[in-house]
């Protein structure tokens, strides 16, 4: 099973929704976070950067539709995403957790995540 966290309502097409890392960064860039929230966000980003391999988005030539899904075995990474989800929820951003056995055409895979071009229907 694969898991992806997105910002958007249930009625919105999952392929059009942003991920939590992007949305949290936008909140920070708009100066909408308290100092404590910004510190928590930076700690989460630091953890993700240190513990999670970075897929080669900038050099792979993937389409803009390529997105990351976590393997359900990536428990610690998913916990970090839940921290971001809580932060976004506190700022009235609707967070959804998507699940799929086959989220799309796999472009990249490591032990924690896959990058896929998502299918229309999950």
PDB file of N, CA and C in Angstrom:
ATOM      1  N   UNK A   1       0.850  -1.180   0.000  1.00  0.00           N
ATOM      2  CA  UNK A   1       0.000   0.000   0.000  1.00  0.00           C
ATOM      3  C   UNK A   1       0.894   1.241   0.000  1.00  0.00           C
ATOM      4  N   UNK A   2       0.425   2.279  -0.672  1.00  0.00           N
ATOM      5  CA  UNK A   2       1.135   3.551  -0.753  1.00  0.00           C
ATOM      6  C   UNK A   2       0.251   4.656  -0.180  1.00  0.00           C
ATOM      7  N   UNK A   3       0.900   5.685   0.374  1.00  0.00           N
ATOM      8  CA  UNK A   3       0.187   6.768   1.053  1.00  0.00           C
ATOM      9  C   UNK A   3       0.721   8.104   0.543  1.00  0.00           C
ATOM     10  N   UNK A   4      -0.210   9.030   0.298  1.00  0.00           N
ATOM     11  CA  UNK A   4       0.157  10.397  -0.093  1.00  0.00           C
ATOM     12  C   UNK A   4      -0.734  11.371   0.653  1.00  0.00           C
ATOM     13  N   UNK A   5      -0.137  12.404   1.199  1.00  0.00           N
ATOM     14  CA  UNK A   5      -0.879  13.464   1.866  1.00  0.00           C
ATOM     15  C   UNK A   5      -0.982  14.647   0.905  1.00  0.00           C
ATOM     16  N   UNK A   6      -2.190  15.191   0.776  1.00  0.00           N
ATOM     17  CA  UNK A   6      -2.416  16.330  -0.115  1.00  0.00           C
ATOM     18  C   UNK A   6      -3.292  17.364   0.588  1.00  0.00           C
ATOM     19  N   UNK A   7      -3.286  18.569   0.052  1.00  0.00           N
ATOM     20  CA  UNK A   7      -4.133  19.638   0.566  1.00  0.00           C
ATOM     21  C   UNK A   7      -5.247  19.859  -0.437  1.00  0.00           C
ATOM     22  N   UNK A   8      -6.482  19.662   0.024  1.00  0.00           N
ATOM     23  CA  UNK A   8      -7.649  19.856  -0.826  1.00  0.00           C
ATOM     24  C   UNK A   8      -8.819  19.045  -0.329  1.00  0.00           C
ATOM     25  N   UNK A   9      -9.995  19.377  -0.822  1.00  0.00           N
ATOM     26  CA  UNK A   9     -11.210  18.707  -0.403  1.00  0.00           C
ATOM     27  C   UNK A   9     -11.447  17.393  -1.119  1.00  0.00           C
ATOM     28  N   UNK A  10     -12.347  16.597  -0.571  1.00  0.00           N
ATOM     29  CA  UNK A  10     -12.658  15.288  -1.131  1.00  0.00           C
ATOM     30  C   UNK A  10     -13.200  15.366  -2.554  1.00  0.00           C
ATOM     31  N   UNK A  11     -13.859  16.473  -2.881  1.00  0.00           N
ATOM     32  CA  UNK A  11     -14.467  16.606  -4.203  1.00  0.00           C
ATOM     33  C   UNK A  11     -13.450  17.004  -5.282  1.00  0.00           C
ATOM     34  N   UNK A  12     -12.238  17.363  -4.883  1.00  0.00           N
ATOM     35  CA  UNK A  12     -11.222  17.814  -5.828  1.00  0.00           C
ATOM     36  C   UNK A  12     -10.420  16.643  -6.380  1.00  0.00           C
ATOM     37  N   UNK A  13     -10.024  16.742  -7.652  1.00  0.00           N
ATOM     38  CA  UNK A  13      -9.226  15.720  -8.323  1.00  0.00           C
ATOM     39  C   UNK A  13      -7.861  15.628  -7.648  1.00  0.00           C
ATOM     40  N   UNK A  14      -7.524  14.448  -7.151  1.00  0.00           N
ATOM     41  CA  UNK A  14      -6.269  14.258  -6.419  1.00  0.00           C
ATOM     42  C   UNK A  14      -5.051  14.664  -7.237  1.00  0.00           C
ATOM     43  N   UNK A  15      -5.128  14.588  -8.553  1.00  0.00           N
ATOM     44  CA  UNK A  15      -3.979  14.919  -9.400  1.00  0.00           C
ATOM     45  C   UNK A  15      -3.721  16.425  -9.480  1.00  0.00           C
ATOM     46  N   UNK A  16      -4.681  17.210  -9.028  1.00  0.00           N
ATOM     47  CA  UNK A  16      -4.534  18.673  -9.072  1.00  0.00           C
ATOM     48  C   UNK A  16      -4.124  19.263  -7.728  1.00  0.00           C
ATOM     49  N   UNK A  17      -3.942  18.426  -6.715  1.00  0.00           N
ATOM     50  CA  UNK A  17      -3.694  18.911  -5.358  1.00  0.00           C
ATOM     51  C   UNK A  17      -2.205  18.937  -5.028  1.00  0.00           C
ATOM     52  N   UNK A  18      -1.829  19.884  -4.197  1.00  0.00           N
ATOM     53  CA  UNK A  18      -0.436  20.026  -3.766  1.00  0.00           C
ATOM     54  C   UNK A  18      -0.146  19.121  -2.576  1.00  0.00           C
ATOM     55  N   UNK A  19       1.122  18.787  -2.430  1.00  0.00           N
ATOM     56  CA  UNK A  19       1.559  18.019  -1.274  1.00  0.00           C
ATOM     57  C   UNK A  19       1.792  18.917  -0.069  1.00  0.00           C
ATOM     58  N   UNK A  20       1.984  18.302   1.069  1.00  0.00           N
ATOM     59  CA  UNK A  20       2.128  19.044   2.323  1.00  0.00           C
ATOM     60  C   UNK A  20       3.401  19.864   2.402  1.00  0.00           C
ATOM     61  N   UNK A  21       4.494  19.353   1.874  1.00  0.00           N
ATOM     62  CA  UNK A  21       5.757  20.086   1.936  1.00  0.00           C
ATOM     63  C   UNK A  21       5.617  21.415   1.200  1.00  0.00           C
ATOM     64  N   UNK A  22       5.033  21.379   0.023  1.00  0.00           N
ATOM     65  CA  UNK A  22       4.834  22.598  -0.766  1.00  0.00           C
ATOM     66  C   UNK A  22       3.906  23.572  -0.061  1.00  0.00           C
ATOM     67  N   UNK A  23       2.792  23.090   0.432  1.00  0.00           N
ATOM     68  CA  UNK A  23       1.812  23.970   1.072  1.00  0.00           C
ATOM     69  C   UNK A  23       2.352  24.585   2.360  1.00  0.00           C
ATOM     70  N   UNK A  24       3.117  23.803   3.127  1.00  0.00           N
ATOM     71  CA  UNK A  24       3.709  24.341   4.363  1.00  0.00           C
ATOM     72  C   UNK A  24       4.741  25.421   4.022  1.00  0.00           C
ATOM     73  N   UNK A  25       5.517  25.192   2.981  1.00  0.00           N
ATOM     74  CA  UNK A  25       6.487  26.200   2.562  1.00  0.00           C
ATOM     75  C   UNK A  25       5.783  27.493   2.141  1.00  0.00           C
ATOM     76  N   UNK A  26       4.648  27.373   1.449  1.00  0.00           N
ATOM     77  CA  UNK A  26       3.889  28.558   1.042  1.00  0.00           C
ATOM     78  C   UNK A  26       3.387  29.338   2.255  1.00  0.00           C
ATOM     79  N   UNK A  27       2.917  28.633   3.278  1.00  0.00           N
ATOM     80  CA  UNK A  27       2.494  29.307   4.517  1.00  0.00           C
ATOM     81  C   UNK A  27       3.658  30.092   5.119  1.00  0.00           C
ATOM     82  N   UNK A  28       4.818  29.438   5.173  1.00  0.00           N
ATOM     83  CA  UNK A  28       6.007  30.091   5.731  1.00  0.00           C
ATOM     84  C   UNK A  28       6.383  31.316   4.902  1.00  0.00           C
ATOM     85  N   UNK A  29       6.376  31.159   3.577  1.00  0.00           N
ATOM     86  CA  UNK A  29       6.785  32.248   2.695  1.00  0.00           C
ATOM     87  C   UNK A  29       5.826  33.439   2.754  1.00  0.00           C
ATOM     88  N   UNK A  30       4.571  33.187   3.115  1.00  0.00           N
ATOM     89  CA  UNK A  30       3.591  34.269   3.269  1.00  0.00           C
ATOM     90  C   UNK A  30       3.601  34.843   4.694  1.00  0.00           C
ATOM     91  N   UNK A  31       4.557  34.391   5.507  1.00  0.00           N
ATOM     92  CA  UNK A  31       4.691  34.850   6.904  1.00  0.00           C
ATOM     93  C   UNK A  31       3.431  34.597   7.727  1.00  0.00           C
ATOM     94  N   UNK A  32       2.800  33.451   7.519  1.00  0.00           N
ATOM     95  CA  UNK A  32       1.580  33.116   8.241  1.00  0.00           C
ATOM     96  C   UNK A  32       1.829  32.196   9.431  1.00  0.00           C
ATOM     97  N   UNK A  33       3.077  31.842   9.672  1.00  0.00           N
ATOM     98  CA  UNK A  33       3.395  30.943  10.779  1.00  0.00           C
ATOM     99  C   UNK A  33       3.935  31.726  11.964  1.00  0.00           C
ATOM    100  N   UNK A  34       3.618  31.241  13.156  1.00  0.00           N
ATOM    101  CA  UNK A  34       4.237  31.797  14.355  1.00  0.00           C
ATOM    102  C   UNK A  34       5.699  31.352  14.380  1.00  0.00           C
ATOM    103  N   UNK A  35       6.478  31.946  15.253  1.00  0.00           N
ATOM    104  CA  UNK A  35       7.881  31.558  15.379  1.00  0.00           C
ATOM    105  C   UNK A  35       7.997  30.083  15.771  1.00  0.00           C
ATOM    106  N   UNK A  36       7.132  29.631  16.667  1.00  0.00           N
ATOM    107  CA  UNK A  36       7.166  28.229  17.100  1.00  0.00           C
ATOM    108  C   UNK A  36       6.789  27.293  15.954  1.00  0.00           C
ATOM    109  N   UNK A  37       5.796  27.682  15.174  1.00  0.00           N
ATOM    110  CA  UNK A  37       5.391  26.854  14.030  1.00  0.00           C
ATOM    111  C   UNK A  37       6.497  26.791  12.977  1.00  0.00           C
ATOM    112  N   UNK A  38       7.147  27.917  12.748  1.00  0.00           N
ATOM    113  CA  UNK A  38       8.242  27.941  11.780  1.00  0.00           C
ATOM    114  C   UNK A  38       9.396  27.066  12.256  1.00  0.00           C
ATOM    115  N   UNK A  39       9.663  27.097  13.549  1.00  0.00           N
ATOM    116  CA  UNK A  39      10.719  26.244  14.120  1.00  0.00           C
ATOM    117  C   UNK A  39      10.361  24.763  13.941  1.00  0.00           C
ATOM    118  N   UNK A  40       9.103  24.422  14.189  1.00  0.00           N
ATOM    119  CA  UNK A  40       8.648  23.042  14.000  1.00  0.00           C
ATOM    120  C   UNK A  40       8.749  22.636  12.534  1.00  0.00           C
ATOM    121  N   UNK A  41       8.367  23.528  11.641  1.00  0.00           N
ATOM    122  CA  UNK A  41       8.455  23.242  10.208  1.00  0.00           C
ATOM    123  C   UNK A  41       9.905  22.999   9.800  1.00  0.00           C
ATOM    124  N   UNK A  42      10.800  23.846  10.233  1.00  0.00           N
ATOM    125  CA  UNK A  42      12.216  23.684   9.888  1.00  0.00           C
ATOM    126  C   UNK A  42      12.781  22.378  10.460  1.00  0.00           C
ATOM    127  N   UNK A  43      12.350  22.012  11.665  1.00  0.00           N
ATOM    128  CA  UNK A  43      12.796  20.743  12.252  1.00  0.00           C
ATOM    129  C   UNK A  43      12.297  19.558  11.418  1.00  0.00           C
ATOM    130  N   UNK A  44      11.073  19.651  10.944  1.00  0.00           N
ATOM    131  CA  UNK A  44      10.522  18.583  10.109  1.00  0.00           C
ATOM    132  C   UNK A  44      11.264  18.508   8.784  1.00  0.00           C
ATOM    133  N   UNK A  45      11.504  19.644   8.153  1.00  0.00           N
ATOM    134  CA  UNK A  45      12.264  19.667   6.900  1.00  0.00           C
ATOM    135  C   UNK A  45      13.675  19.115   7.108  1.00  0.00           C
ATOM    136  N   UNK A  46      14.310  19.473   8.218  1.00  0.00           N
ATOM    137  CA  UNK A  46      15.650  18.978   8.510  1.00  0.00           C
ATOM    138  C   UNK A  46      15.637  17.461   8.643  1.00  0.00           C
ATOM    139  N   UNK A  47      14.638  16.928   9.356  1.00  0.00           N
ATOM    140  CA  UNK A  47      14.532  15.476   9.510  1.00  0.00           C
ATOM    141  C   UNK A  47      14.351  14.811   8.152  1.00  0.00           C
ATOM    142  N   UNK A  48      13.413  15.318   7.350  1.00  0.00           N
ATOM    143  CA  UNK A  48      13.153  14.725   6.031  1.00  0.00           C
ATOM    144  C   UNK A  48      14.401  14.763   5.153  1.00  0.00           C
ATOM    145  N   UNK A  49      15.107  15.892   5.156  1.00  0.00           N
ATOM    146  CA  UNK A  49      16.315  16.013   4.335  1.00  0.00           C
ATOM    147  C   UNK A  49      17.429  15.082   4.793  1.00  0.00           C
ATOM    148  N   UNK A  50      17.501  14.829   6.091  1.00  0.00           N
ATOM    149  CA  UNK A  50      18.554  13.968   6.629  1.00  0.00           C
ATOM    150  C   UNK A  50      18.244  12.481   6.485  1.00  0.00           C
ATOM    151  N   UNK A  51      16.978  12.122   6.578  1.00  0.00           N
ATOM    152  CA  UNK A  51      16.605  10.710   6.664  1.00  0.00           C
ATOM    153  C   UNK A  51      15.986  10.119   5.398  1.00  0.00           C
ATOM    154  N   UNK A  52      15.536  10.965   4.495  1.00  0.00           N
ATOM    155  CA  UNK A  52      14.790  10.487   3.330  1.00  0.00           C
ATOM    156  C   UNK A  52      15.569  10.795   2.053  1.00  0.00           C
ATOM    157  N   UNK A  53      15.827   9.792   1.216  1.00  0.00           N
ATOM    158  CA  UNK A  53      16.512  10.074  -0.046  1.00  0.00           C
ATOM    159  C   UNK A  53      15.711  11.084  -0.886  1.00  0.00           C
ATOM    160  N   UNK A  54      16.425  11.924  -1.588  1.00  0.00           N
ATOM    161  CA  UNK A  54      15.773  12.937  -2.426  1.00  0.00           C
ATOM    162  C   UNK A  54      15.709  12.430  -3.867  1.00  0.00           C
ATOM    163  N   UNK A  55      14.519  12.169  -4.371  1.00  0.00           N
ATOM    164  CA  UNK A  55      14.406  11.734  -5.777  1.00  0.00           C
ATOM    165  C   UNK A  55      14.955  12.817  -6.713  1.00  0.00           C
ATOM    166  N   UNK A  56      15.509  12.415  -7.858  1.00  0.00           N
ATOM    167  CA  UNK A  56      16.169  13.371  -8.750  1.00  0.00           C
ATOM    168  C   UNK A  56      15.197  14.167  -9.635  1.00  0.00           C
ATOM    169  N   UNK A  57      14.309  14.927  -9.006  1.00  0.00           N
ATOM    170  CA  UNK A  57      13.319  15.696  -9.763  1.00  0.00           C
ATOM    171  C   UNK A  57      13.974  16.646 -10.766  1.00  0.00           C
ATOM    172  N   UNK A  58      15.036  17.320 -10.372  1.00  0.00           N
ATOM    173  CA  UNK A  58      15.615  18.361 -11.230  1.00  0.00           C
ATOM    174  C   UNK A  58      16.386  17.802 -12.420  1.00  0.00           C
ATOM    175  N   UNK A  59      16.823  16.550 -12.352  1.00  0.00           N
ATOM    176  CA  UNK A  59      17.645  16.003 -13.437  1.00  0.00           C
ATOM    177  C   UNK A  59      17.009  14.852 -14.201  1.00  0.00           C
ATOM    178  N   UNK A  60      15.893  14.341 -13.743  1.00  0.00           N
ATOM    179  CA  UNK A  60      15.321  13.137 -14.346  1.00  0.00           C
ATOM    180  C   UNK A  60      14.486  13.404 -15.597  1.00  0.00           C
ATOM    181  N   UNK A  61      14.073  14.636 -15.790  1.00  0.00           N
ATOM    182  CA  UNK A  61      13.248  14.932 -16.956  1.00  0.00           C
ATOM    183  C   UNK A  61      11.812  14.459 -16.833  1.00  0.00           C
ATOM    184  N   UNK A  62      11.349  14.267 -15.587  1.00  0.00           N
ATOM    185  CA  UNK A  62       9.974  13.834 -15.364  1.00  0.00           C
ATOM    186  C   UNK A  62       9.019  14.985 -15.647  1.00  0.00           C
ATOM    187  N   UNK A  63       7.780  14.638 -15.916  1.00  0.00           N
ATOM    188  CA  UNK A  63       6.760  15.665 -16.121  1.00  0.00           C
ATOM    189  C   UNK A  63       6.457  16.370 -14.802  1.00  0.00           C
ATOM    190  N   UNK A  64       5.791  17.499 -14.894  1.00  0.00           N
ATOM    191  CA  UNK A  64       5.410  18.246 -13.690  1.00  0.00           C
ATOM    192  C   UNK A  64       4.371  17.479 -12.879  1.00  0.00           C
ATOM    193  N   UNK A  65       3.817  16.420 -13.434  1.00  0.00           N
ATOM    194  CA  UNK A  65       2.800  15.623 -12.750  1.00  0.00           C
ATOM    195  C   UNK A  65       3.399  14.522 -11.884  1.00  0.00           C
ATOM    196  N   UNK A  66       4.718  14.383 -11.871  1.00  0.00           N
ATOM    197  CA  UNK A  66       5.360  13.358 -11.052  1.00  0.00           C
ATOM    198  C   UNK A  66       5.254  13.747  -9.578  1.00  0.00           C
ATOM    199  N   UNK A  67       4.778  12.809  -8.761  1.00  0.00           N
ATOM    200  CA  UNK A  67       4.588  13.069  -7.338  1.00  0.00           C
ATOM    201  C   UNK A  67       5.090  11.889  -6.500  1.00  0.00           C
ATOM    202  N   UNK A  68       5.348  12.186  -5.239  1.00  0.00           N
ATOM    203  CA  UNK A  68       5.864  11.180  -4.304  1.00  0.00           C
ATOM    204  C   UNK A  68       4.720  10.540  -3.521  1.00  0.00           C
ATOM    205  N   UNK A  69       4.773   9.226  -3.410  1.00  0.00           N
ATOM    206  CA  UNK A  69       3.907   8.448  -2.528  1.00  0.00           C
ATOM    207  C   UNK A  69       4.818   7.673  -1.595  1.00  0.00           C
ATOM    208  N   UNK A  70       4.460   7.631  -0.315  1.00  0.00           N
ATOM    209  CA  UNK A  70       5.228   6.857   0.651  1.00  0.00           C
ATOM    210  C   UNK A  70       4.780   5.402   0.650  1.00  0.00           C
ATOM    211  N   UNK A  71       5.735   4.525   0.855  1.00  0.00           N
ATOM    212  CA  UNK A  71       5.399   3.128   1.127  1.00  0.00           C
ATOM    213  C   UNK A  71       4.841   3.093   2.541  1.00  0.00           C
ATOM    214  N   UNK A  72       3.847   2.258   2.776  1.00  0.00           N
ATOM    215  CA  UNK A  72       3.242   2.239   4.111  1.00  0.00           C
ATOM    216  C   UNK A  72       4.209   1.751   5.182  1.00  0.00           C
ATOM    217  N   UNK A  73       5.331   1.177   4.781  1.00  0.00           N
ATOM    218  CA  UNK A  73       6.355   0.742   5.737  1.00  0.00           C
ATOM    219  C   UNK A  73       7.259   1.895   6.196  1.00  0.00           C
ATOM    220  N   UNK A  74       7.133   3.074   5.585  1.00  0.00           N
ATOM    221  CA  UNK A  74       7.966   4.234   5.932  1.00  0.00           C
ATOM    222  C   UNK A  74       7.348   4.983   7.114  1.00  0.00           C
ATOM    223  N   UNK A  75       7.214   4.298   8.223  1.00  0.00           N
ATOM    224  CA  UNK A  75       6.482   4.785   9.396  1.00  0.00           C
ATOM    225  C   UNK A  75       7.001   6.137   9.886  1.00  0.00           C
ATOM    226  N   UNK A  76       8.309   6.276  10.050  1.00  0.00           N
ATOM    227  CA  UNK A  76       8.860   7.529  10.581  1.00  0.00           C
ATOM    228  C   UNK A  76       8.621   8.695   9.623  1.00  0.00           C
ATOM    229  N   UNK A  77       8.756   8.462   8.338  1.00  0.00           N
ATOM    230  CA  UNK A  77       8.499   9.522   7.352  1.00  0.00           C
ATOM    231  C   UNK A  77       7.030   9.928   7.377  1.00  0.00           C
ATOM    232  N   UNK A  78       6.159   8.964   7.489  1.00  0.00           N
ATOM    233  CA  UNK A  78       4.726   9.249   7.559  1.00  0.00           C
ATOM    234  C   UNK A  78       4.408  10.040   8.828  1.00  0.00           C
ATOM    235  N   UNK A  79       5.081   9.715   9.926  1.00  0.00           N
ATOM    236  CA  UNK A  79       4.890  10.490  11.168  1.00  0.00           C
ATOM    237  C   UNK A  79       5.287  11.948  10.966  1.00  0.00           C
ATOM    238  N   UNK A  80       6.361  12.188  10.244  1.00  0.00           N
ATOM    239  CA  UNK A  80       6.777  13.562   9.960  1.00  0.00           C
ATOM    240  C   UNK A  80       5.736  14.281   9.104  1.00  0.00           C
ATOM    241  N   UNK A  81       5.143  13.570   8.179  1.00  0.00           N
ATOM    242  CA  UNK A  81       4.097  14.170   7.348  1.00  0.00           C
ATOM    243  C   UNK A  81       2.860  14.486   8.191  1.00  0.00           C
ATOM    244  N   UNK A  82       2.592  13.680   9.181  1.00  0.00           N
ATOM    245  CA  UNK A  82       1.462  13.968  10.077  1.00  0.00           C
ATOM    246  C   UNK A  82       1.703  15.259  10.873  1.00  0.00           C
ATOM    247  N   UNK A  83       2.961  15.543  11.189  1.00  0.00           N
ATOM    248  CA  UNK A  83       3.294  16.811  11.848  1.00  0.00           C
ATOM    249  C   UNK A  83       2.954  17.973  10.916  1.00  0.00           C
ATOM    250  N   UNK A  84       3.340  17.842   9.646  1.00  0.00           N
ATOM    251  CA  UNK A  84       2.997  18.881   8.664  1.00  0.00           C
ATOM    252  C   UNK A  84       1.484  18.982   8.487  1.00  0.00           C
ATOM    253  N   UNK A  85       0.801  17.839   8.482  1.00  0.00           N
ATOM    254  CA  UNK A  85      -0.665  17.840   8.335  1.00  0.00           C
ATOM    255  C   UNK A  85      -1.318  18.599   9.485  1.00  0.00           C
ATOM    256  N   UNK A  86      -0.845  18.389  10.697  1.00  0.00           N
ATOM    257  CA  UNK A  86      -1.406  19.088  11.854  1.00  0.00           C
ATOM    258  C   UNK A  86      -1.174  20.594  11.747  1.00  0.00           C
ATOM    259  N   UNK A  87       0.002  20.980  11.304  1.00  0.00           N
ATOM    260  CA  UNK A  87       0.311  22.390  11.131  1.00  0.00           C
ATOM    261  C   UNK A  87      -0.621  23.026  10.098  1.00  0.00           C
ATOM    262  N   UNK A  88      -0.788  22.364   8.979  1.00  0.00           N
ATOM    263  CA  UNK A  88      -1.655  22.896   7.922  1.00  0.00           C
ATOM    264  C   UNK A  88      -3.112  22.946   8.372  1.00  0.00           C
ATOM    265  N   UNK A  89      -3.558  21.938   9.094  1.00  0.00           N
ATOM    266  CA  UNK A  89      -4.930  21.902   9.590  1.00  0.00           C
ATOM    267  C   UNK A  89      -5.182  23.075  10.541  1.00  0.00           C
ATOM    268  N   UNK A  90      -4.188  23.415  11.354  1.00  0.00           N
ATOM    269  CA  UNK A  90      -4.323  24.563  12.262  1.00  0.00           C
ATOM    270  C   UNK A  90      -4.501  25.874  11.484  1.00  0.00           C
ATOM    271  N   UNK A  91      -4.095  25.874  10.232  1.00  0.00           N
ATOM    272  CA  UNK A  91      -4.226  27.068   9.387  1.00  0.00           C
ATOM    273  C   UNK A  91      -5.360  26.891   8.364  1.00  0.00           C
ATOM    274  N   UNK A  92      -6.328  26.042   8.718  1.00  0.00           N
ATOM    275  CA  UNK A  92      -7.541  25.833   7.925  1.00  0.00           C
ATOM    276  C   UNK A  92      -7.286  25.295   6.520  1.00  0.00           C
ATOM    277  N   UNK A  93      -6.223  24.550   6.348  1.00  0.00           N
ATOM    278  CA  UNK A  93      -5.959  23.878   5.078  1.00  0.00           C
ATOM    279  C   UNK A  93      -6.525  22.463   5.171  1.00  0.00           C
ATOM    280  N   UNK A  94      -7.417  22.086   4.265  1.00  0.00           N
ATOM    281  CA  UNK A  94      -7.990  20.734   4.309  1.00  0.00           C
ATOM    282  C   UNK A  94      -6.976  19.687   3.842  1.00  0.00           C
ATOM    283  N   UNK A  95      -6.592  18.805   4.733  1.00  0.00           N
ATOM    284  CA  UNK A  95      -5.599  17.777   4.429  1.00  0.00           C
ATOM    285  C   UNK A  95      -6.296  16.438   4.213  1.00  0.00           C
ATOM    286  N   UNK A  96      -5.895  15.766   3.142  1.00  0.00           N
ATOM    287  CA  UNK A  96      -6.400  14.421   2.841  1.00  0.00           C
ATOM    288  C   UNK A  96      -5.243  13.437   2.833  1.00  0.00           C
ATOM    289  N   UNK A  97      -5.520  12.225   3.274  1.00  0.00           N
ATOM    290  CA  UNK A  97      -4.555  11.147   3.149  1.00  0.00           C
ATOM    291  C   UNK A  97      -5.109  10.175   2.111  1.00  0.00           C
ATOM    292  N   UNK A  98      -4.378  10.006   1.029  1.00  0.00           N
ATOM    293  CA  UNK A  98      -4.780   9.089  -0.032  1.00  0.00           C
ATOM    294  C   UNK A  98      -4.063   7.769   0.156  1.00  0.00           C
ATOM    295  N   UNK A  99      -4.735   6.695  -0.220  1.00  0.00           N
ATOM    296  CA  UNK A  99      -4.131   5.357  -0.163  1.00  0.00           C
ATOM    297  C   UNK A  99      -4.388   4.663  -1.487  1.00  0.00           C
ATOM    298  N   UNK A 100      -3.395   3.921  -1.938  1.00  0.00           N
ATOM    299  CA  UNK A 100      -3.561   3.174  -3.185  1.00  0.00           C
ATOM    300  C   UNK A 100      -2.566   2.020  -3.225  1.00  0.00           C
ATOM    301  N   UNK A 101      -2.990   0.932  -3.799  1.00  0.00           N
ATOM    302  CA  UNK A 101      -2.080  -0.192  -4.027  1.00  0.00           C
ATOM    303  C   UNK A 101      -1.242   0.056  -5.282  1.00  0.00           C
ATOM    304  N   UNK A 102      -1.758   0.886  -6.185  1.00  0.00           N
ATOM    305  CA  UNK A 102      -1.080   1.156  -7.447  1.00  0.00           C
ATOM    306  C   UNK A 102      -1.379   2.598  -7.860  1.00  0.00           C
ATOM    307  N   UNK A 103      -0.620   3.573  -7.320  1.00  0.00           N
ATOM    308  CA  UNK A 103      -0.957   4.978  -7.543  1.00  0.00           C
ATOM    309  C   UNK A 103      -0.604   5.529  -8.922  1.00  0.00           C
ATOM    310  N   UNK A 104       0.219   4.809  -9.692  1.00  0.00           N
ATOM    311  CA  UNK A 104       0.573   5.313 -11.015  1.00  0.00           C
ATOM    312  C   UNK A 104       1.787   4.614 -11.585  1.00  0.00           C
ATOM    313  N   UNK A 105       2.245   5.156 -12.708  1.00  0.00           N
ATOM    314  CA  UNK A 105       3.427   4.621 -13.377  1.00  0.00           C
ATOM    315  C   UNK A 105       4.658   5.014 -12.561  1.00  0.00           C
ATOM    316  N   UNK A 106       5.399   4.025 -12.077  1.00  0.00           N
ATOM    317  CA  UNK A 106       6.557   4.267 -11.213  1.00  0.00           C
ATOM    318  C   UNK A 106       7.733   4.779 -12.038  1.00  0.00           C
ATOM    319  N   UNK A 107       8.257   5.934 -11.622  1.00  0.00           N
ATOM    320  CA  UNK A 107       9.414   6.552 -12.265  1.00  0.00           C
ATOM    321  C   UNK A 107      10.678   6.390 -11.433  1.00  0.00           C
ATOM    322  N   UNK A 108      10.502   6.220 -10.130  1.00  0.00           N
ATOM    323  CA  UNK A 108      11.619   6.137  -9.177  1.00  0.00           C
ATOM    324  C   UNK A 108      11.128   5.370  -7.966  1.00  0.00           C
ATOM    325  N   UNK A 109      12.042   4.637  -7.344  1.00  0.00           N
ATOM    326  CA  UNK A 109      11.682   3.918  -6.115  1.00  0.00           C
ATOM    327  C   UNK A 109      12.911   3.780  -5.237  1.00  0.00           C
ATOM    328  N   UNK A 110      12.697   3.967  -3.932  1.00  0.00           N
ATOM    329  CA  UNK A 110      13.710   3.624  -2.942  1.00  0.00           C
ATOM    330  C   UNK A 110      12.981   2.881  -1.826  1.00  0.00           C
ATOM    331  N   UNK A 111      13.630   2.655  -0.714  1.00  0.00           N
ATOM    332  CA  UNK A 111      12.991   1.817   0.314  1.00  0.00           C
ATOM    333  C   UNK A 111      11.857   2.507   1.056  1.00  0.00           C
ATOM    334  N   UNK A 112      11.700   3.839   0.882  1.00  0.00           N
ATOM    335  CA  UNK A 112      10.677   4.590   1.600  1.00  0.00           C
ATOM    336  C   UNK A 112       9.538   5.115   0.734  1.00  0.00           C
ATOM    337  N   UNK A 113       9.808   5.310  -0.559  1.00  0.00           N
ATOM    338  CA  UNK A 113       8.876   6.067  -1.393  1.00  0.00           C
ATOM    339  C   UNK A 113       8.988   5.664  -2.855  1.00  0.00           C
ATOM    340  N   UNK A 114       7.974   6.080  -3.603  1.00  0.00           N
ATOM    341  CA  UNK A 114       8.013   5.979  -5.053  1.00  0.00           C
ATOM    342  C   UNK A 114       7.630   7.348  -5.621  1.00  0.00           C
ATOM    343  N   UNK A 115       8.150   7.626  -6.790  1.00  0.00           N
ATOM    344  CA  UNK A 115       7.696   8.779  -7.559  1.00  0.00           C
ATOM    345  C   UNK A 115       6.918   8.193  -8.728  1.00  0.00           C
ATOM    346  N   UNK A 116       5.709   8.706  -8.914  1.00  0.00           N
ATOM    347  CA  UNK A 116       4.854   8.180  -9.965  1.00  0.00           C
ATOM    348  C   UNK A 116       4.211   9.303 -10.785  1.00  0.00           C
ATOM    349  N   UNK A 117       3.792   8.938 -11.969  1.00  0.00           N
ATOM    350  CA  UNK A 117       2.838   9.738 -12.713  1.00  0.00           C
ATOM    351  C   UNK A 117       1.508   9.094 -12.385  1.00  0.00           C
ATOM    352  N   UNK A 118       0.671   9.816 -11.651  1.00  0.00           N
ATOM    353  CA  UNK A 118      -0.542   9.244 -11.088  1.00  0.00           C
ATOM    354  C   UNK A 118      -1.571   8.845 -12.151  1.00  0.00           C
ATOM    355  N   UNK A 119      -2.285   7.769 -11.838  1.00  0.00           N
ATOM    356  CA  UNK A 119      -3.424   7.358 -12.633  1.00  0.00           C
ATOM    357  C   UNK A 119      -4.575   8.329 -12.379  1.00  0.00           C
ATOM    358  N   UNK A 120      -5.513   8.378 -13.297  1.00  0.00           N
ATOM    359  CA  UNK A 120      -6.693   9.232 -13.115  1.00  0.00           C
ATOM    360  C   UNK A 120      -7.507   8.762 -11.914  1.00  0.00           C
ATOM    361  N   UNK A 121      -7.682   7.461 -11.815  1.00  0.00           N
ATOM    362  CA  UNK A 121      -8.434   6.885 -10.698  1.00  0.00           C
ATOM    363  C   UNK A 121      -7.492   6.049  -9.850  1.00  0.00           C
ATOM    364  N   UNK A 122      -7.620   6.209  -8.545  1.00  0.00           N
ATOM    365  CA  UNK A 122      -6.768   5.429  -7.638  1.00  0.00           C
ATOM    366  C   UNK A 122      -7.448   4.155  -7.304  1.00  0.00           C
TER     367      UNK A 122
END
